[in-house]
Amino acid sequence: MALASPQVRAICVEANEFPYLSNQFRVRGVPHTVINRRASFVGALPEPDFVAAVLEGAGIPVEDTPHPDPPPLGGREISARGPSTEIAAS
């Protein structure tokens, strides 16, 4: 989110290297996401759930946010299975 918008800032902290911060935010599992020091959640969420949790933590009602269609991928068509990827084994 921080890469996509200048209105979002993100800081990544290694919990084991900063025990004071880990204790302050009661980190018991990773990833542990804290939003504006007011809300937090633990675990990797699917993207829509992650966005909803961050918006709620920021005090933005999720119902009021628009849900735009994703932007086209450079004019390329993508099949229902997604983009093809080749992996070469050595």
C-alpha atoms as a PDB file:
ATOM      1  CA  MET A   1       0.000   0.000   0.000  1.00  0.00           C
ATOM      2  CA  ALA A   2       2.831   2.376   0.810  1.00  0.00           C
ATOM      3  CA  LEU A   3       4.397   1.744  -2.584  1.00  0.00           C
ATOM      4  CA  ALA A   4       1.118   2.537  -4.335  1.00  0.00           C
ATOM      5  CA  SER A   5       0.165   5.711  -2.463  1.00  0.00           C
ATOM      6  CA  PRO A   6       2.153   8.634  -1.065  1.00  0.00           C
ATOM      7  CA  GLN A   7      -0.560   8.932   1.614  1.00  0.00           C
ATOM      8  CA  VAL A   8       0.508   5.640   3.182  1.00  0.00           C
ATOM      9  CA  ARG A   9       3.730   5.142   5.099  1.00  0.00           C
ATOM     10  CA  ALA A  10       5.009   1.775   6.192  1.00  0.00           C
ATOM     11  CA  ILE A  11       7.813   0.711   8.480  1.00  0.00           C
ATOM     12  CA  CYS A  12       9.010  -2.868   8.762  1.00  0.00           C
ATOM     13  CA  VAL A  13      10.665  -3.809  12.055  1.00  0.00           C
ATOM     14  CA  GLU A  14      12.447  -7.086  12.814  1.00  0.00           C
ATOM     15  CA  ALA A  15      10.767  -8.196  16.057  1.00  0.00           C
ATOM     16  CA  ASN A  16      13.802 -10.105  17.367  1.00  0.00           C
ATOM     17  CA  GLU A  17      16.170  -7.180  16.825  1.00  0.00           C
ATOM     18  CA  PHE A  18      13.935  -4.650  18.584  1.00  0.00           C
ATOM     19  CA  PRO A  19      12.555  -6.378  21.698  1.00  0.00           C
ATOM     20  CA  TYR A  20      11.466  -3.044  23.218  1.00  0.00           C
ATOM     21  CA  LEU A  21       9.107  -2.427  20.293  1.00  0.00           C
ATOM     22  CA  SER A  22       7.982  -6.054  20.298  1.00  0.00           C
ATOM     23  CA  ASN A  23       7.021  -5.728  23.954  1.00  0.00           C
ATOM     24  CA  GLN A  24       5.415  -2.321  23.457  1.00  0.00           C
ATOM     25  CA  PHE A  25       3.136  -3.658  20.701  1.00  0.00           C
ATOM     26  CA  ARG A  26       2.729  -7.093  22.335  1.00  0.00           C
ATOM     27  CA  VAL A  27       4.052  -8.985  19.322  1.00  0.00           C
ATOM     28  CA  ARG A  28       3.393 -12.696  19.778  1.00  0.00           C
ATOM     29  CA  GLY A  29       3.330 -13.745  16.131  1.00  0.00           C
ATOM     30  CA  VAL A  30       4.411 -12.488  12.745  1.00  0.00           C
ATOM     31  CA  PRO A  31       3.415 -10.780  10.646  1.00  0.00           C
ATOM     32  CA  HIS A  32       1.975  -8.409  13.237  1.00  0.00           C
ATOM     33  CA  THR A  33       0.530  -5.318  11.566  1.00  0.00           C
ATOM     34  CA  VAL A  34      -0.097  -2.152  13.584  1.00  0.00           C
ATOM     35  CA  ILE A  35      -2.141   0.720  12.139  1.00  0.00           C
ATOM     36  CA  ASN A  36      -1.635   4.214  13.565  1.00  0.00           C
ATOM     37  CA  ARG A  37      -0.809   2.700  16.970  1.00  0.00           C
ATOM     38  CA  ARG A  38      -4.586   2.190  17.418  1.00  0.00           C
ATOM     39  CA  ALA A  39      -5.349  -1.149  15.833  1.00  0.00           C
ATOM     40  CA  SER A  40      -3.462  -4.285  14.948  1.00  0.00           C
ATOM     41  CA  PHE A  41      -3.860  -7.773  13.588  1.00  0.00           C
ATOM     42  CA  VAL A  42      -1.671 -10.846  13.408  1.00  0.00           C
ATOM     43  CA  GLY A  43      -1.185 -13.128  10.464  1.00  0.00           C
ATOM     44  CA  ALA A  44      -1.084 -13.050   6.705  1.00  0.00           C
ATOM     45  CA  LEU A  45      -4.500 -12.162   5.321  1.00  0.00           C
ATOM     46  CA  PRO A  46      -5.822 -12.405   1.783  1.00  0.00           C
ATOM     47  CA  GLU A  47      -5.447  -9.041   0.047  1.00  0.00           C
ATOM     48  CA  PRO A  48      -9.112  -7.906   0.327  1.00  0.00           C
ATOM     49  CA  ASP A  49      -9.168  -8.770   4.041  1.00  0.00           C
ATOM     50  CA  PHE A  50      -5.815  -7.045   4.596  1.00  0.00           C
ATOM     51  CA  VAL A  51      -7.038  -3.854   2.910  1.00  0.00           C
ATOM     52  CA  ALA A  52     -10.296  -3.935   4.889  1.00  0.00           C
ATOM     53  CA  ALA A  53      -8.420  -4.429   8.182  1.00  0.00           C
ATOM     54  CA  VAL A  54      -6.019  -1.565   7.440  1.00  0.00           C
ATOM     55  CA  LEU A  55      -8.876   0.767   6.465  1.00  0.00           C
ATOM     56  CA  GLU A  56     -10.825  -0.126   9.590  1.00  0.00           C
ATOM     57  CA  GLY A  57      -7.718   0.390  11.720  1.00  0.00           C
ATOM     58  CA  ALA A  58      -7.247   3.804  10.114  1.00  0.00           C
ATOM     59  CA  GLY A  59     -10.812   4.731  11.028  1.00  0.00           C
ATOM     60  CA  ILE A  60     -12.178   4.568   7.488  1.00  0.00           C
ATOM     61  CA  PRO A  61     -15.489   2.713   7.282  1.00  0.00           C
ATOM     62  CA  VAL A  62     -15.074  -0.144   4.822  1.00  0.00           C
ATOM     63  CA  GLU A  63     -18.638   0.241   3.516  1.00  0.00           C
ATOM     64  CA  ASP A  64     -17.842   3.770   2.300  1.00  0.00           C
ATOM     65  CA  THR A  65     -14.785   2.818   0.270  1.00  0.00           C
ATOM     66  CA  PRO A  66     -15.196   2.287  -3.463  1.00  0.00           C
ATOM     67  CA  HIS A  67     -14.275  -1.077  -4.928  1.00  0.00           C
ATOM     68  CA  PRO A  68     -12.895  -0.233  -8.359  1.00  0.00           C
ATOM     69  CA  ASP A  69     -12.091  -2.855 -10.915  1.00  0.00           C
ATOM     70  CA  PRO A  70      -8.385  -3.681 -11.028  1.00  0.00           C
ATOM     71  CA  PRO A  71      -6.436  -1.758 -13.679  1.00  0.00           C
ATOM     72  CA  PRO A  72      -5.684  -3.529 -16.942  1.00  0.00           C
ATOM     73  CA  LEU A  73      -2.308  -5.225 -17.115  1.00  0.00           C
ATOM     74  CA  GLY A  74      -0.683  -3.291 -19.941  1.00  0.00           C
ATOM     75  CA  GLY A  75      -3.301  -4.312 -22.484  1.00  0.00           C
ATOM     76  CA  ARG A  76      -2.471  -8.007 -22.088  1.00  0.00           C
ATOM     77  CA  GLU A  77      -5.278 -10.474 -21.792  1.00  0.00           C
ATOM     78  CA  ILE A  78      -5.034 -12.964 -19.006  1.00  0.00           C
ATOM     79  CA  SER A  79      -6.798 -16.290 -19.104  1.00  0.00           C
ATOM     80  CA  ALA A  80      -9.044 -17.455 -16.312  1.00  0.00           C
ATOM     81  CA  ARG A  81      -6.075 -19.447 -14.986  1.00  0.00           C
ATOM     82  CA  GLY A  82      -3.956 -16.278 -14.673  1.00  0.00           C
ATOM     83  CA  PRO A  83      -0.757 -15.348 -16.456  1.00  0.00           C
ATOM     84  CA  SER A  84       1.418 -18.202 -17.607  1.00  0.00           C
ATOM     85  CA  THR A  85       4.772 -18.687 -15.981  1.00  0.00           C
ATOM     86  CA  GLU A  86       7.519 -21.009 -17.075  1.00  0.00           C
ATOM     87  CA  ILE A  87       9.865 -22.421 -14.488  1.00  0.00           C
ATOM     88  CA  ALA A  88      12.977 -24.190 -15.668  1.00  0.00           C
ATOM     89  CA  ALA A  89      14.318 -26.924 -13.453  1.00  0.00           C
ATOM     90  CA  SER A  90      18.040 -27.532 -13.384  1.00  0.00           C
END
